[in-house]
Structures are given as C-alpha cells and as structure tokens.
N, C-alpha and C. Protein backbone atom coordinates (compact mmCIF):
# COMPACT_ATOMS: atom_id res chain seq x y z
N MET A 1 -11.44 28.18 -6.53
CA MET A 1 -12.72 27.53 -6.32
C MET A 1 -13.24 26.72 -5.01
N PRO A 2 -14.29 26.57 -4.74
CA PRO A 2 -14.83 25.97 -3.37
C PRO A 2 -14.41 24.15 -3.99
N GLY A 3 -13.86 23.37 -3.28
CA GLY A 3 -13.33 21.85 -3.68
C GLY A 3 -11.88 22.11 -4.33
N ASP A 4 -11.59 22.80 -4.98
CA ASP A 4 -10.09 23.01 -5.34
C ASP A 4 -9.13 22.58 -4.32
N ARG A 5 -8.29 21.70 -4.89
CA ARG A 5 -7.10 21.38 -3.67
C ARG A 5 -5.87 22.04 -3.89
N PHE A 6 -5.32 22.77 -2.82
CA PHE A 6 -3.97 23.15 -2.94
C PHE A 6 -3.01 22.29 -3.32
N THR A 7 -2.29 22.49 -4.48
CA THR A 7 -0.96 21.79 -4.80
C THR A 7 0.20 22.49 -4.61
N PRO A 8 1.21 22.29 -3.51
CA PRO A 8 2.32 23.14 -3.28
C PRO A 8 3.06 23.16 -4.66
N ASP A 9 3.69 24.03 -4.83
CA ASP A 9 4.72 24.18 -5.63
C ASP A 9 6.23 23.91 -5.05
N PHE A 10 6.95 22.90 -5.40
CA PHE A 10 8.05 22.52 -4.76
C PHE A 10 9.06 22.66 -5.54
N ASP A 11 10.26 23.40 -5.22
CA ASP A 11 11.29 23.82 -6.23
C ASP A 11 12.60 22.67 -5.75
N PRO A 12 12.92 21.57 -6.24
CA PRO A 12 14.20 20.70 -5.94
C PRO A 12 15.22 21.12 -5.84
N ASP A 13 15.44 22.36 -6.82
CA ASP A 13 16.73 23.15 -6.59
C ASP A 13 16.83 24.13 -5.94
N TYR A 14 16.02 24.54 -4.86
CA TYR A 14 15.51 25.43 -3.75
C TYR A 14 16.26 26.74 -4.42
N GLY A 15 15.67 27.15 -5.57
CA GLY A 15 15.95 28.57 -5.99
C GLY A 15 17.26 28.59 -6.73
N ASP A 16 17.88 27.71 -7.25
CA ASP A 16 19.24 27.68 -7.64
C ASP A 16 18.92 27.80 -9.39
N ALA A 17 18.60 29.05 -9.62
CA ALA A 17 18.28 29.01 -11.17
C ALA A 17 19.38 28.21 -12.16
N PRO A 18 20.70 28.49 -12.01
CA PRO A 18 21.81 27.98 -12.80
C PRO A 18 21.61 26.34 -13.06
N LEU A 19 21.35 25.69 -11.66
CA LEU A 19 21.30 24.53 -11.42
C LEU A 19 20.05 23.83 -12.20
N SER A 20 18.87 24.71 -12.06
CA SER A 20 17.76 24.18 -13.02
C SER A 20 18.23 24.13 -14.25
N THR A 21 18.76 25.36 -14.90
CA THR A 21 19.28 25.46 -16.37
C THR A 21 20.07 24.23 -16.92
N ALA A 22 20.93 23.71 -15.86
CA ALA A 22 21.95 22.79 -15.98
C ALA A 22 21.15 21.42 -16.49
N ARG A 23 20.20 21.12 -15.49
CA ARG A 23 19.36 19.99 -15.23
C ARG A 23 18.25 19.90 -16.85
N LYS A 24 18.19 21.10 -16.98
CA LYS A 24 17.21 21.10 -18.37
C LYS A 24 18.42 20.75 -19.51
N ASP A 25 19.31 20.94 -19.57
CA ASP A 25 20.26 20.75 -20.35
C ASP A 25 20.69 19.43 -20.36
N ILE A 26 20.67 18.56 -19.56
CA ILE A 26 20.82 17.15 -19.38
C ILE A 26 19.57 16.45 -19.91
N ALA A 27 18.43 16.99 -19.49
CA ALA A 27 17.24 16.26 -20.33
C ALA A 27 17.36 16.65 -21.99
N ASN A 28 17.87 17.54 -22.37
CA ASN A 28 18.13 17.82 -23.66
C ASN A 28 19.42 17.26 -24.50
N GLY A 29 20.05 16.58 -23.64
CA GLY A 29 21.27 15.85 -24.12
C GLY A 29 22.33 16.64 -24.13
N ARG A 30 22.31 17.95 -23.79
CA ARG A 30 23.75 18.69 -23.60
C ARG A 30 24.44 18.89 -22.24
N TRP A 31 26.03 18.56 -22.43
CA TRP A 31 26.39 18.49 -21.36
C TRP A 31 27.32 19.93 -20.85
N GLN A 32 27.39 20.77 -21.95
CA GLN A 32 28.14 21.90 -21.61
C GLN A 32 27.74 22.63 -20.30
N GLY A 33 26.36 22.66 -20.33
CA GLY A 33 25.86 23.35 -19.25
C GLY A 33 26.39 22.83 -17.56
N LEU A 34 26.63 21.59 -17.69
CA LEU A 34 27.22 20.73 -16.58
C LEU A 34 28.53 21.25 -16.30
N ARG A 35 29.40 21.61 -17.43
CA ARG A 35 30.59 21.93 -17.33
C ARG A 35 30.58 23.34 -16.95
N ASP A 36 30.03 24.10 -17.45
CA ASP A 36 30.07 25.50 -17.06
C ASP A 36 29.51 25.75 -15.23
N LEU A 37 28.32 25.03 -15.18
CA LEU A 37 28.12 25.21 -13.86
C LEU A 37 28.94 24.82 -12.78
N LEU A 38 29.81 23.54 -12.96
CA LEU A 38 30.46 23.13 -11.98
C LEU A 38 31.90 23.99 -12.25
N ARG A 39 32.32 24.65 -13.31
CA ARG A 39 32.94 25.63 -13.34
C ARG A 39 33.00 26.57 -12.24
N VAL A 40 31.98 27.32 -12.57
CA VAL A 40 31.86 28.48 -11.87
C VAL A 40 31.61 28.12 -10.28
N THR A 41 31.04 27.00 -9.84
CA THR A 41 30.70 26.76 -8.51
C THR A 41 32.19 26.41 -7.85
N GLY A 42 33.12 26.11 -8.53
CA GLY A 42 34.46 25.89 -7.86
C GLY A 42 34.55 25.17 -6.52
N PRO A 43 35.42 25.53 -5.50
CA PRO A 43 35.44 24.76 -4.32
C PRO A 43 34.41 25.66 -3.27
N ALA A 44 33.36 25.83 -3.43
CA ALA A 44 32.24 26.06 -2.37
C ALA A 44 31.56 24.77 -2.25
N TRP A 45 32.31 24.19 -1.45
CA TRP A 45 31.91 22.74 -1.19
C TRP A 45 30.45 22.24 -0.92
N SER A 46 29.83 23.09 -0.08
CA SER A 46 28.25 22.55 0.09
C SER A 46 27.41 22.92 -1.13
N VAL A 47 27.64 24.28 -1.65
CA VAL A 47 27.11 24.30 -2.71
C VAL A 47 27.45 23.12 -3.91
N ARG A 48 28.65 23.01 -4.07
CA ARG A 48 29.01 21.94 -5.29
C ARG A 48 28.27 20.61 -4.69
N ALA A 49 28.28 20.25 -3.44
CA ALA A 49 27.69 18.78 -2.96
C ALA A 49 26.22 18.73 -3.56
N HIS A 50 25.82 19.96 -2.96
CA HIS A 50 23.97 20.10 -3.19
C HIS A 50 23.88 20.11 -4.98
N ARG A 51 24.68 20.64 -5.57
CA ARG A 51 24.60 21.01 -6.98
C ARG A 51 24.84 19.22 -7.84
N ILE A 52 25.85 18.62 -7.42
CA ILE A 52 25.98 17.59 -7.90
C ILE A 52 25.07 16.40 -7.35
N ARG A 53 24.61 16.39 -6.23
CA ARG A 53 23.55 15.54 -5.74
C ARG A 53 22.29 15.51 -6.40
N LEU A 54 22.09 16.66 -7.05
CA LEU A 54 21.01 16.89 -8.01
C LEU A 54 21.05 16.80 -9.33
N LEU A 55 22.26 16.85 -10.16
CA LEU A 55 22.92 16.58 -11.20
C LEU A 55 22.73 15.13 -11.33
N ALA A 56 23.34 14.08 -10.28
CA ALA A 56 23.75 12.82 -10.55
C ALA A 56 22.46 12.03 -11.16
N PRO A 57 21.42 12.38 -10.37
CA PRO A 57 20.21 11.40 -10.70
C PRO A 57 19.65 11.64 -12.04
N ALA A 58 19.48 13.08 -12.73
CA ALA A 58 19.30 13.35 -13.86
C ALA A 58 20.77 12.76 -14.82
N CYS A 59 21.59 12.81 -14.59
CA CYS A 59 22.73 11.95 -15.73
C CYS A 59 22.66 10.66 -15.47
N ALA A 60 22.21 10.10 -14.52
CA ALA A 60 22.26 8.38 -14.72
C ALA A 60 21.30 8.02 -15.31
N GLY A 61 20.04 8.77 -16.06
CA GLY A 61 19.48 8.33 -17.06
C GLY A 61 19.63 8.34 -18.31
N ASN A 62 20.84 9.10 -18.65
CA ASN A 62 21.38 9.16 -20.15
C ASN A 62 22.92 9.35 -20.08
N SER A 63 23.45 9.72 -21.16
CA SER A 63 24.80 9.56 -21.54
C SER A 63 25.32 10.87 -21.54
N SER A 64 24.87 11.91 -20.60
CA SER A 64 25.67 13.18 -20.55
C SER A 64 26.87 13.37 -20.14
N VAL A 65 27.12 12.68 -18.80
CA VAL A 65 28.41 12.52 -18.57
C VAL A 65 29.38 11.77 -19.48
N GLU A 66 29.10 10.43 -19.81
CA GLU A 66 29.95 10.08 -20.91
C GLU A 66 30.42 10.87 -21.97
N SER A 67 29.25 11.57 -22.65
CA SER A 67 29.58 12.63 -23.54
C SER A 67 30.52 13.73 -23.04
N TRP A 68 30.63 14.14 -21.88
CA TRP A 68 31.49 15.44 -21.35
C TRP A 68 32.82 14.57 -21.56
N LEU A 69 32.89 13.47 -20.96
CA LEU A 69 34.04 12.81 -20.96
C LEU A 69 34.91 12.65 -22.03
N ALA A 70 34.06 12.10 -23.08
CA ALA A 70 34.53 11.71 -24.60
C ALA A 70 35.35 12.82 -24.76
N GLU A 71 34.81 14.06 -24.93
CA GLU A 71 35.29 15.48 -25.31
C GLU A 71 36.44 16.00 -24.30
N GLU A 72 36.26 15.73 -22.94
CA GLU A 72 37.52 16.21 -21.84
C GLU A 72 37.73 14.99 -20.84
N PRO A 73 38.56 14.07 -21.30
CA PRO A 73 38.67 12.89 -20.40
C PRO A 73 39.53 12.96 -19.15
N ARG A 74 39.95 14.41 -19.04
CA ARG A 74 40.46 14.57 -17.97
C ARG A 74 40.00 15.41 -17.09
N SER A 75 38.99 15.89 -17.24
CA SER A 75 38.36 16.71 -16.52
C SER A 75 37.86 16.47 -15.13
N PRO A 76 38.52 17.08 -14.00
CA PRO A 76 38.16 16.82 -12.82
C PRO A 76 36.66 16.89 -12.55
N ASP A 77 36.20 17.92 -12.97
CA ASP A 77 34.55 18.11 -12.75
C ASP A 77 33.70 17.12 -13.23
N ALA A 78 34.01 16.63 -14.59
CA ALA A 78 33.17 15.71 -15.09
C ALA A 78 33.83 14.08 -14.39
N LEU A 79 35.03 14.11 -14.19
CA LEU A 79 35.06 12.55 -13.27
C LEU A 79 34.46 12.65 -11.76
N VAL A 80 34.45 13.77 -11.22
CA VAL A 80 33.74 13.70 -10.01
C VAL A 80 32.14 13.42 -10.27
N LEU A 81 31.67 14.18 -11.32
CA LEU A 81 30.14 13.80 -11.73
C LEU A 81 29.75 12.71 -12.05
N ARG A 82 30.94 11.87 -12.59
CA ARG A 82 30.73 10.34 -13.09
C ARG A 82 30.59 9.66 -11.76
N ALA A 83 31.28 9.96 -11.00
CA ALA A 83 31.21 8.97 -9.81
C ALA A 83 29.92 9.28 -8.95
N ALA A 84 29.55 10.39 -8.95
CA ALA A 84 28.16 10.63 -8.21
C ALA A 84 27.14 9.62 -8.93
N THR A 85 27.27 10.27 -10.44
CA THR A 85 26.39 9.54 -11.21
C THR A 85 26.19 7.96 -11.25
N GLU A 86 27.47 7.28 -11.19
CA GLU A 86 27.62 5.76 -10.95
C GLU A 86 26.75 5.41 -9.70
N VAL A 87 27.00 6.37 -8.46
CA VAL A 87 26.30 5.96 -7.43
C VAL A 87 24.94 5.99 -7.48
N ALA A 88 24.33 7.10 -7.94
CA ALA A 88 23.13 7.07 -8.36
C ALA A 88 22.42 5.92 -9.11
N ARG A 89 23.09 5.57 -10.31
CA ARG A 89 22.64 4.50 -10.97
C ARG A 89 22.57 3.27 -9.88
N ALA A 90 23.52 2.91 -8.98
CA ALA A 90 23.49 1.85 -8.23
C ALA A 90 22.52 1.92 -7.28
N PHE A 91 22.03 3.19 -6.83
CA PHE A 91 21.05 3.39 -5.94
C PHE A 91 19.64 3.04 -6.61
N THR A 92 19.54 3.27 -7.98
CA THR A 92 18.41 2.99 -8.98
C THR A 92 18.19 1.52 -8.84
N LEU A 93 19.11 0.92 -9.22
CA LEU A 93 19.01 -0.27 -9.37
C LEU A 93 18.65 -1.25 -8.00
N ALA A 94 19.11 -0.53 -6.89
CA ALA A 94 18.84 -1.15 -5.50
C ALA A 94 17.35 -0.62 -5.36
N THR A 95 16.80 0.24 -5.46
CA THR A 95 15.27 0.63 -5.29
C THR A 95 14.49 -0.30 -6.39
N ALA A 96 14.77 -0.32 -7.45
CA ALA A 96 14.25 -1.25 -8.49
C ALA A 96 13.98 -2.72 -7.83
N ALA A 97 15.15 -3.10 -7.52
CA ALA A 97 15.10 -4.47 -6.89
C ALA A 97 14.31 -4.71 -5.47
N GLY A 98 14.11 -3.36 -4.97
CA GLY A 98 12.94 -3.59 -3.77
C GLY A 98 13.77 -4.04 -2.35
N GLY A 99 13.86 -2.92 -1.69
CA GLY A 99 14.08 -3.22 -0.33
C GLY A 99 15.60 -3.46 -0.23
N ARG A 100 15.90 -4.60 0.69
CA ARG A 100 17.59 -4.85 0.97
C ARG A 100 18.03 -5.78 0.16
N VAL A 101 17.39 -5.91 -1.17
CA VAL A 101 17.92 -7.19 -2.11
C VAL A 101 19.08 -6.63 -2.73
N PRO A 102 19.99 -7.27 -2.41
CA PRO A 102 21.51 -6.82 -2.73
C PRO A 102 21.70 -6.40 -4.45
N VAL A 103 22.62 -5.41 -4.63
CA VAL A 103 22.78 -5.25 -5.70
C VAL A 103 24.29 -6.13 -6.36
N GLU A 104 24.00 -6.25 -7.30
CA GLU A 104 25.54 -7.14 -8.09
C GLU A 104 26.73 -6.43 -7.55
N GLN A 105 27.45 -7.15 -6.71
CA GLN A 105 28.85 -6.66 -6.38
C GLN A 105 29.43 -5.87 -7.53
N ARG A 106 29.50 -6.52 -8.77
CA ARG A 106 30.44 -5.60 -9.52
C ARG A 106 29.66 -4.47 -10.27
N ARG A 107 28.62 -4.34 -9.79
CA ARG A 107 27.81 -2.95 -9.99
C ARG A 107 28.32 -1.97 -8.86
N VAL A 108 28.53 -2.37 -7.67
CA VAL A 108 28.97 -1.51 -6.79
C VAL A 108 30.27 -1.11 -6.90
N ASP A 109 30.82 -2.29 -7.25
CA ASP A 109 32.50 -1.99 -7.31
C ASP A 109 32.72 -1.00 -8.27
N ARG A 110 32.12 -1.01 -9.78
CA ARG A 110 32.37 0.24 -10.68
C ARG A 110 31.91 1.59 -10.05
N ALA A 111 30.98 1.51 -9.33
CA ALA A 111 30.94 2.88 -8.65
C ALA A 111 31.90 3.36 -7.65
N VAL A 112 32.47 2.42 -6.80
CA VAL A 112 33.50 2.71 -5.91
C VAL A 112 34.59 2.97 -6.96
N MET A 113 35.06 2.54 -8.03
CA MET A 113 35.96 2.92 -8.49
C MET A 113 35.91 4.14 -9.58
N ALA A 114 34.65 4.38 -9.84
CA ALA A 114 34.37 5.81 -10.21
C ALA A 114 34.69 6.63 -9.14
N CYS A 115 34.58 6.81 -7.96
CA CYS A 115 34.62 7.45 -6.92
C CYS A 115 36.08 7.79 -6.73
N LEU A 116 36.95 6.74 -6.49
CA LEU A 116 38.23 6.61 -6.34
C LEU A 116 39.20 7.45 -7.67
N GLN A 117 38.61 7.32 -8.68
CA GLN A 117 38.84 7.88 -9.91
C GLN A 117 38.77 9.61 -9.60
N GLY A 118 37.61 9.71 -9.13
CA GLY A 118 37.17 11.18 -9.02
C GLY A 118 38.05 11.87 -7.89
N ALA A 119 38.26 10.99 -6.94
CA ALA A 119 39.00 11.41 -5.64
C ALA A 119 40.35 12.07 -6.19
N GLU A 120 40.81 11.25 -7.04
CA GLU A 120 42.20 11.15 -7.61
C GLU A 120 42.48 12.35 -8.54
N ALA A 121 41.22 12.85 -9.19
CA ALA A 121 41.39 13.67 -10.20
C ALA A 121 41.21 15.09 -9.60
N TYR A 122 40.35 15.20 -8.54
CA TYR A 122 40.13 16.42 -7.68
C TYR A 122 40.42 16.33 -6.37
N PRO A 123 41.72 16.07 -6.25
CA PRO A 123 42.03 15.78 -4.32
C PRO A 123 41.61 16.89 -3.33
N GLU A 124 41.01 17.89 -3.70
CA GLU A 124 40.80 18.84 -2.77
C GLU A 124 38.87 18.72 -2.50
N ASP A 125 38.54 18.18 -3.46
CA ASP A 125 37.14 17.93 -3.23
C ASP A 125 36.52 16.94 -2.46
N PRO A 126 35.69 17.08 -1.46
CA PRO A 126 35.18 15.89 -0.46
C PRO A 126 33.80 15.07 -1.12
N THR A 127 33.58 15.63 -2.19
CA THR A 127 32.43 14.86 -2.98
C THR A 127 32.44 13.69 -3.49
N PRO A 128 33.79 13.26 -3.95
CA PRO A 128 33.91 11.68 -4.22
C PRO A 128 33.69 10.88 -2.82
N TRP A 129 34.44 11.59 -1.74
CA TRP A 129 34.56 10.79 -0.53
C TRP A 129 32.94 10.58 -0.03
N ILE A 130 31.90 11.70 -0.20
CA ILE A 130 31.03 11.79 0.07
C ILE A 130 30.21 10.18 -0.62
N CYS A 131 30.30 10.29 -1.55
CA CYS A 131 29.95 9.19 -2.56
C CYS A 131 30.17 7.77 -2.15
N LEU A 132 31.45 7.66 -1.76
CA LEU A 132 32.11 6.46 -1.42
C LEU A 132 31.31 5.89 -0.18
N ILE A 133 31.16 6.65 0.71
CA ILE A 133 30.47 6.38 1.62
C ILE A 133 29.15 6.31 1.55
N SER A 134 28.63 6.96 0.67
CA SER A 134 27.08 6.71 0.48
C SER A 134 27.07 5.22 0.02
N VAL A 135 27.56 4.81 -1.13
CA VAL A 135 27.53 3.56 -1.92
C VAL A 135 28.12 2.28 -1.14
N ALA A 136 28.75 2.82 -0.01
CA ALA A 136 29.15 1.80 0.61
C ALA A 136 28.20 0.54 1.43
N ARG A 137 27.04 1.46 1.35
CA ARG A 137 25.77 0.76 2.06
C ARG A 137 25.26 -0.30 1.16
N LEU A 138 25.52 -0.54 0.01
CA LEU A 138 25.12 -1.43 -0.97
C LEU A 138 25.67 -2.49 -1.09
N TYR A 139 26.88 -2.49 -0.49
CA TYR A 139 27.65 -3.95 -0.27
C TYR A 139 26.84 -4.82 0.54
N ALA A 140 26.60 -5.98 0.46
CA ALA A 140 25.71 -6.83 1.03
C ALA A 140 25.98 -6.88 2.51
N ALA A 141 27.68 -6.86 2.66
CA ALA A 141 27.97 -7.27 4.00
C ALA A 141 28.86 -5.82 4.65
N GLY A 142 28.31 -4.80 3.65
CA GLY A 142 29.18 -3.29 4.47
C GLY A 142 30.45 -3.70 3.69
N VAL A 143 31.43 -2.77 4.36
CA VAL A 143 32.89 -2.61 4.19
C VAL A 143 33.47 -2.99 5.22
N ARG A 144 34.83 -3.06 5.21
CA ARG A 144 35.58 -3.20 6.43
C ARG A 144 35.70 -1.98 7.44
N ARG A 145 35.37 -2.07 8.72
CA ARG A 145 35.34 -0.88 9.65
C ARG A 145 36.43 0.02 9.22
N GLN A 146 37.83 -0.54 9.08
CA GLN A 146 38.70 0.15 8.69
C GLN A 146 38.75 0.73 7.35
N GLU A 147 38.35 0.28 6.23
CA GLU A 147 38.24 1.09 5.14
C GLU A 147 37.23 1.90 5.08
N LEU A 148 35.93 1.86 5.87
CA LEU A 148 34.94 2.85 6.06
C LEU A 148 35.79 4.25 6.77
N GLY A 149 36.55 3.99 7.87
CA GLY A 149 37.08 4.75 8.62
C GLY A 149 38.24 5.43 7.82
N ARG A 150 38.76 4.90 6.86
CA ARG A 150 39.89 5.72 6.19
C ARG A 150 38.89 6.82 5.40
N TRP A 151 38.02 6.18 4.62
CA TRP A 151 37.25 7.03 3.66
C TRP A 151 36.67 8.03 4.51
N TRP A 152 36.18 8.10 5.70
CA TRP A 152 35.48 9.12 6.79
C TRP A 152 37.09 9.95 6.88
N ASP A 153 37.75 9.49 7.32
CA ASP A 153 39.09 10.48 7.43
C ASP A 153 39.43 11.37 6.33
N GLU A 154 39.27 10.86 5.32
CA GLU A 154 39.53 11.44 3.88
C GLU A 154 38.38 12.85 3.70
N LEU A 155 37.21 12.26 3.92
CA LEU A 155 36.39 13.35 3.82
C LEU A 155 36.41 14.19 5.26
N HIS A 156 36.58 13.80 6.36
CA HIS A 156 36.90 14.70 7.48
C HIS A 156 37.77 15.63 7.25
N ALA A 157 38.84 15.35 6.50
CA ALA A 157 40.18 16.18 6.25
C ALA A 157 39.72 17.36 5.40
N ARG A 158 38.86 17.07 4.55
CA ARG A 158 38.21 18.21 3.46
C ARG A 158 37.50 18.89 3.76
N ASP A 159 36.42 18.20 4.75
CA ASP A 159 35.16 19.38 5.12
C ASP A 159 34.48 18.50 6.41
N PRO A 160 35.07 18.56 7.31
CA PRO A 160 34.85 18.20 8.65
C PRO A 160 33.30 18.56 9.24
N TYR A 161 32.57 19.41 8.62
CA TYR A 161 31.22 19.48 9.28
C TYR A 161 30.20 19.27 8.00
N THR A 162 30.23 18.73 7.03
CA THR A 162 29.63 18.03 5.91
C THR A 162 28.38 17.59 6.66
N ILE A 163 27.25 18.03 6.51
CA ILE A 163 26.14 17.53 6.72
C ILE A 163 25.77 16.09 5.88
N GLU A 164 25.77 16.42 4.72
CA GLU A 164 25.61 15.21 3.55
C GLU A 164 26.44 14.07 4.16
N GLY A 165 27.62 14.12 4.39
CA GLY A 165 28.70 13.20 4.50
C GLY A 165 28.12 12.52 5.81
N HIS A 166 28.04 13.35 6.94
CA HIS A 166 27.41 12.79 8.17
C HIS A 166 26.23 11.91 7.91
N LEU A 167 25.50 12.32 7.25
CA LEU A 167 24.32 11.98 7.22
C LEU A 167 24.47 10.28 6.41
N HIS A 168 25.23 10.08 5.36
CA HIS A 168 25.54 9.11 4.71
C HIS A 168 26.20 8.12 5.82
N VAL A 169 27.06 8.57 6.92
CA VAL A 169 27.57 7.54 7.96
C VAL A 169 26.61 7.06 8.91
N LEU A 170 25.66 8.04 9.23
CA LEU A 170 24.67 7.67 10.14
C LEU A 170 23.67 6.50 9.44
N ARG A 171 23.60 6.68 8.17
CA ARG A 171 22.53 5.60 7.48
C ARG A 171 23.47 4.42 7.60
N TYR A 172 24.70 4.58 7.45
CA TYR A 172 25.40 2.99 7.09
C TYR A 172 25.43 2.26 8.64
N TYR A 173 25.69 3.46 9.78
CA TYR A 173 25.60 2.61 11.09
C TYR A 173 24.38 2.50 11.32
N SER A 174 23.09 2.49 10.92
CA SER A 174 21.89 2.23 11.41
C SER A 174 21.46 0.68 11.25
N ALA A 175 20.49 0.16 11.74
CA ALA A 175 20.36 -1.09 12.06
C ALA A 175 19.68 -1.53 10.84
N ARG A 176 19.03 -0.33 9.98
CA ARG A 176 18.42 -0.87 8.58
C ARG A 176 19.62 -1.32 7.71
N TRP A 177 20.87 -0.97 8.07
CA TRP A 177 21.91 -1.29 6.94
C TRP A 177 23.07 -1.91 7.54
N HIS A 178 24.17 -1.74 8.15
CA HIS A 178 25.23 -2.22 8.85
C HIS A 178 25.62 -1.96 10.09
N GLY A 179 24.59 -1.61 11.03
CA GLY A 179 25.15 -1.08 12.42
C GLY A 179 24.00 -1.39 13.19
N THR A 180 23.87 -0.79 14.09
CA THR A 180 22.68 -0.95 15.32
C THR A 180 22.36 0.52 15.66
N HIS A 181 21.17 0.35 16.42
CA HIS A 181 20.57 1.79 16.55
C HIS A 181 21.54 2.51 17.87
N GLY A 182 22.31 1.72 18.52
CA GLY A 182 23.23 2.69 19.62
C GLY A 182 24.29 3.24 18.66
N LEU A 183 24.92 1.99 17.64
CA LEU A 183 26.03 3.08 16.86
C LEU A 183 25.51 4.12 16.21
N MET A 184 24.45 4.15 15.52
CA MET A 184 23.68 5.09 14.99
C MET A 184 23.96 6.50 16.11
N TYR A 185 23.25 6.37 17.18
CA TYR A 185 22.80 7.13 17.97
C TYR A 185 24.34 8.03 18.51
N ASP A 186 24.87 6.79 18.94
CA ASP A 186 26.42 7.32 19.42
C ASP A 186 27.08 8.48 18.29
N PHE A 187 27.20 8.01 16.99
CA PHE A 187 27.54 8.76 16.07
C PHE A 187 27.11 10.05 15.85
N ALA A 188 25.65 10.00 16.04
CA ALA A 188 24.92 11.44 15.84
C ALA A 188 25.20 12.43 16.90
N ARG A 189 25.36 11.72 18.32
CA ARG A 189 25.35 12.41 19.09
C ARG A 189 26.85 13.13 19.46
N ASP A 190 27.92 12.25 19.11
CA ASP A 190 29.42 12.34 19.11
C ASP A 190 29.43 13.98 18.16
N ALA A 191 29.16 13.65 16.99
CA ALA A 191 29.03 14.62 15.77
C ALA A 191 28.46 16.22 16.53
N ALA A 192 27.28 15.93 17.02
CA ALA A 192 26.55 17.09 17.50
C ALA A 192 27.15 17.88 18.64
N ALA A 193 27.93 17.26 19.58
CA ALA A 193 28.76 17.47 20.61
C ALA A 193 29.83 18.40 20.17
N VAL A 194 30.43 18.20 19.19
CA VAL A 194 31.69 18.86 18.58
C VAL A 194 31.19 20.18 17.59
N ALA A 195 30.20 19.93 17.35
CA ALA A 195 29.61 20.79 16.09
C ALA A 195 29.82 22.37 16.46
N PRO A 196 30.57 23.19 15.72
CA PRO A 196 30.70 24.62 16.21
C PRO A 196 29.10 25.28 16.14
N PRO A 197 29.05 26.75 16.97
CA PRO A 197 28.03 27.64 16.69
C PRO A 197 27.69 27.48 15.42
N GLY A 198 26.11 27.55 14.90
CA GLY A 198 25.53 27.83 13.79
C GLY A 198 25.87 26.55 12.92
N CYS A 199 26.23 25.47 13.26
CA CYS A 199 26.39 24.23 12.53
C CYS A 199 25.26 23.50 12.48
N ALA A 200 25.20 22.73 11.37
CA ALA A 200 23.77 21.99 11.26
C ALA A 200 24.01 20.50 11.87
N LEU A 201 25.14 20.10 12.28
CA LEU A 201 25.17 18.64 12.92
C LEU A 201 24.34 18.37 14.05
N PRO A 202 23.90 19.23 14.91
CA PRO A 202 23.43 18.66 15.99
C PRO A 202 21.73 18.00 15.58
N VAL A 203 21.25 18.48 14.13
CA VAL A 203 20.14 17.87 13.73
C VAL A 203 20.06 16.39 13.33
N LEU A 204 21.51 15.89 13.48
CA LEU A 204 21.58 14.56 13.22
C LEU A 204 21.06 13.45 14.04
N VAL A 205 20.74 14.14 15.30
CA VAL A 205 19.94 13.06 16.56
C VAL A 205 18.43 13.05 15.96
N GLN A 206 17.91 14.12 15.33
CA GLN A 206 16.54 13.80 14.91
C GLN A 206 16.50 12.97 13.54
N PHE A 207 17.36 12.96 12.62
CA PHE A 207 17.84 12.05 11.47
C PHE A 207 17.96 10.72 12.02
N ALA A 208 18.65 10.38 13.07
CA ALA A 208 18.85 9.39 13.68
C ALA A 208 17.13 8.66 14.22
N ARG A 209 16.42 9.32 14.77
CA ARG A 209 15.24 9.14 15.09
C ARG A 209 14.36 8.57 13.68
N VAL A 210 14.48 9.34 12.94
CA VAL A 210 13.83 8.89 11.43
C VAL A 210 14.26 7.60 10.81
N GLU A 211 15.56 7.51 10.73
CA GLU A 211 16.00 6.00 10.74
C GLU A 211 15.38 5.03 11.25
N GLU A 212 15.57 5.33 12.77
CA GLU A 212 14.80 4.15 13.55
C GLU A 212 13.52 3.79 13.41
N TYR A 213 12.45 4.97 13.12
CA TYR A 213 11.36 4.49 13.06
C TYR A 213 10.62 4.65 11.66
C-alpha cells in the first residue's frame, strides 16, 4: 500500500537453521540443543566461531551454560561456550556502563580465567584464544604486549587466517582502545599482505577505516 515502509527481514543466523533452533532452545532454558549443535559442528573452526559468537550473547542472559556444565562438567564444548559467554557478559557490563568506563578488573579476570580453562579443555580450538584477545580490550590499561603476543601466537598456530581473531587484534590496537591509528593500520596492512588468494583478510584495511572514523 502507498506509504507503507519496507522493513528488511534480517536473519542474524545467516540462514543457519540449526543455530536458530539452538538459540530458541536457550530462550526456553534448554541446554541440550547447544550440546548437540556444537558436537555436530566439530572442528569446522570458522563455522564454530560464528555459532559460538551468536550463542554466547543469548547464553549470557540466563544459566543455560551453567546447567550444561552441572550435567557435564568436563565437556570441552561447554567449557569453550562458557568462556565466550563470560566474555559476552563482560562486554554487556561495559556497554551498560557507557563508553570507556572501565569494567571491574575482577569481572574481566573471571572471563580471562574461563577462556584459559576452555583452551585447556579443547587444545585444538582457536575460539578461546579469540575470546581472550577480545576481552583484553576491557582491561583499563590493556595487557602486556608480551601477553597479547603470546595469545596471538596461540591463535595463529590454530587458525592463521581467522578474520574474527584479526578483527579483535585490530580493535585492540586502535586509538579508541590501547594503540594508535598507525599501529592499527600497520597490523591491517601486514595481515592483508600475507593473505592467500580468496582469503578475507584484505578487508581489514576497510575495518581499520571504520575504527578510525
């Protein structure tokens, strides 16, 4: 009808029907769907990272991960998802506090410990290292460069061309967080220069421009 406005139908799961089902299970307080989804995902790291990135904020608002761990306390998948969930909770606090208001260090420490436990439980998985680099931004003074470098080396050894991991390092190095525009652009250009054909890393330079402006 004339005057009606078109509202785009955006699917945050990008057509990933099993992910959509698992996220509905979270809303209904069921953790079994999470277990089944991550089990069948296996070591498809880019798919796994995407799924965990969208599951974690949903889990952050309830006790689904804690219920799963109560039943299967040694589950590597549950421990990795808990790591991502604790990071999501820390960023929720940061957003609620507004801008660069620091999150309490003990809260960030809690997320870091969950990430390290997830990395120990699932040594092959790059996801806990992505989460570690992400949450490092929330420390008021950042982390020691040697520590960030060690985490990056661990991630790079597992998934050298992860776009998500590179994005978190880029943001960490931005002037908005713990670096400078020059450091951020150097990282983006260096990563783009070694990207193999078909790799998405050259887009990092565009992301750097977004971070700058």
